[in-house]
Amino acid sequence: MQTADPGLRRRYAEAAAAQRGAIAAELRAAGAAHLRLRTDRGLAAGHGAFRRRAAARRTRGTTR
């Protein structure tokens, strides 16, 4: 597969974004917290942001 093809890369990025959106929507519908990790950022930064958002939700009295 020629991964240098701009069209292929665009379609792949679109499909991946749609998949991430569908997963996030399912998790929200289930009331689950969603920790998104990336390989281009440190684990600590992602986990810290997740914990801050969770704490903010708790102080607002919401579960999602």
C-alpha atoms as a PDB file:
ATOM      1  CA  MET A   1       0.000   0.000   0.000  1.00  0.00           C
ATOM      2  CA  GLN A   2       1.418   3.368  -0.991  1.00  0.00           C
ATOM      3  CA  THR A   3       1.128   5.487   2.141  1.00  0.00           C
ATOM      4  CA  ALA A   4       2.612   8.562   0.463  1.00  0.00           C
ATOM      5  CA  ASP A   5      -0.626   9.004  -1.498  1.00  0.00           C
ATOM      6  CA  PRO A   6      -2.275  12.190  -0.139  1.00  0.00           C
ATOM      7  CA  GLY A   7      -5.760  10.921  -0.941  1.00  0.00           C
ATOM      8  CA  LEU A   8      -5.197   7.690   0.959  1.00  0.00           C
ATOM      9  CA  ARG A   9      -3.761   9.577   3.931  1.00  0.00           C
ATOM     10  CA  ARG A  10      -6.757  11.951   3.954  1.00  0.00           C
ATOM     11  CA  ARG A  11      -9.278   9.102   3.778  1.00  0.00           C
ATOM     12  CA  TYR A  12      -7.463   7.224   6.530  1.00  0.00           C
ATOM     13  CA  ALA A  13      -7.410  10.318   8.760  1.00  0.00           C
ATOM     14  CA  GLU A  14     -11.135  10.864   8.152  1.00  0.00           C
ATOM     15  CA  ALA A  15     -11.965   7.243   8.934  1.00  0.00           C
ATOM     16  CA  ALA A  16      -9.807   7.281  12.075  1.00  0.00           C
ATOM     17  CA  ALA A  17     -11.469  10.503  13.286  1.00  0.00           C
ATOM     18  CA  ALA A  18     -14.908   9.011  12.687  1.00  0.00           C
ATOM     19  CA  GLN A  19     -13.924   5.889  14.628  1.00  0.00           C
ATOM     20  CA  ARG A  20     -12.596   7.949  17.559  1.00  0.00           C
ATOM     21  CA  GLY A  21     -15.805   9.993  17.563  1.00  0.00           C
ATOM     22  CA  ALA A  22     -17.985   6.877  17.591  1.00  0.00           C
ATOM     23  CA  ILE A  23     -16.018   5.360  20.464  1.00  0.00           C
ATOM     24  CA  ALA A  24     -16.230   8.600  22.470  1.00  0.00           C
ATOM     25  CA  ALA A  25     -19.986   8.799  21.863  1.00  0.00           C
ATOM     26  CA  GLU A  26     -20.487   5.207  23.054  1.00  0.00           C
ATOM     27  CA  LEU A  27     -18.459   5.853  26.184  1.00  0.00           C
ATOM     28  CA  ARG A  28     -20.425   9.041  26.937  1.00  0.00           C
ATOM     29  CA  ALA A  29     -23.701   7.192  26.396  1.00  0.00           C
ATOM     30  CA  ALA A  30     -22.562   4.557  28.880  1.00  0.00           C
ATOM     31  CA  GLY A  31     -21.602   7.240  31.399  1.00  0.00           C
ATOM     32  CA  ALA A  32     -17.979   6.129  31.385  1.00  0.00           C
ATOM     33  CA  ALA A  33     -14.986   8.390  31.746  1.00  0.00           C
ATOM     34  CA  HIS A  34     -12.740   8.549  28.691  1.00  0.00           C
ATOM     35  CA  LEU A  35      -8.983   8.861  29.039  1.00  0.00           C
ATOM     36  CA  ARG A  36      -7.484   9.621  25.642  1.00  0.00           C
ATOM     37  CA  LEU A  37      -3.803   8.819  25.352  1.00  0.00           C
ATOM     38  CA  ARG A  38      -1.542   9.805  22.492  1.00  0.00           C
ATOM     39  CA  THR A  39       1.816   8.473  21.458  1.00  0.00           C
ATOM     40  CA  ASP A  40       3.143  11.953  20.668  1.00  0.00           C
ATOM     41  CA  ARG A  41       2.558  13.278  24.212  1.00  0.00           C
ATOM     42  CA  GLY A  42       3.657  12.128  27.607  1.00  0.00           C
ATOM     43  CA  LEU A  43       1.455   9.806  29.636  1.00  0.00           C
ATOM     44  CA  ALA A  44       1.631  12.087  32.680  1.00  0.00           C
ATOM     45  CA  ALA A  45       0.233  15.085  30.792  1.00  0.00           C
ATOM     46  CA  GLY A  46      -2.745  13.127  29.476  1.00  0.00           C
ATOM     47  CA  HIS A  47      -3.453  11.544  32.826  1.00  0.00           C
ATOM     48  CA  GLY A  48      -3.166  14.879  34.622  1.00  0.00           C
ATOM     49  CA  ALA A  49      -5.651  16.531  32.268  1.00  0.00           C
ATOM     50  CA  PHE A  50      -8.033  13.589  32.698  1.00  0.00           C
ATOM     51  CA  ARG A  51      -7.894  13.872  36.490  1.00  0.00           C
ATOM     52  CA  ARG A  52      -8.459  17.656  36.373  1.00  0.00           C
ATOM     53  CA  ARG A  53     -11.533  17.199  34.158  1.00  0.00           C
ATOM     54  CA  ALA A  54     -12.852  14.453  36.451  1.00  0.00           C
ATOM     55  CA  ALA A  55     -12.393  16.680  39.507  1.00  0.00           C
ATOM     56  CA  ALA A  56     -14.165  19.557  37.751  1.00  0.00           C
ATOM     57  CA  ARG A  57     -17.096  17.276  36.904  1.00  0.00           C
ATOM     58  CA  ARG A  58     -17.335  16.140  40.531  1.00  0.00           C
ATOM     59  CA  THR A  59     -17.435  19.724  41.789  1.00  0.00           C
ATOM     60  CA  ARG A  60     -20.224  20.528  39.309  1.00  0.00           C
ATOM     61  CA  GLY A  61     -22.164  17.498  40.520  1.00  0.00           C
ATOM     62  CA  THR A  62     -22.236  15.785  37.142  1.00  0.00           C
ATOM     63  CA  THR A  63     -21.220  12.244  36.301  1.00  0.00           C
ATOM     64  CA  ARG A  64     -20.100  12.712  32.705  1.00  0.00           C
END
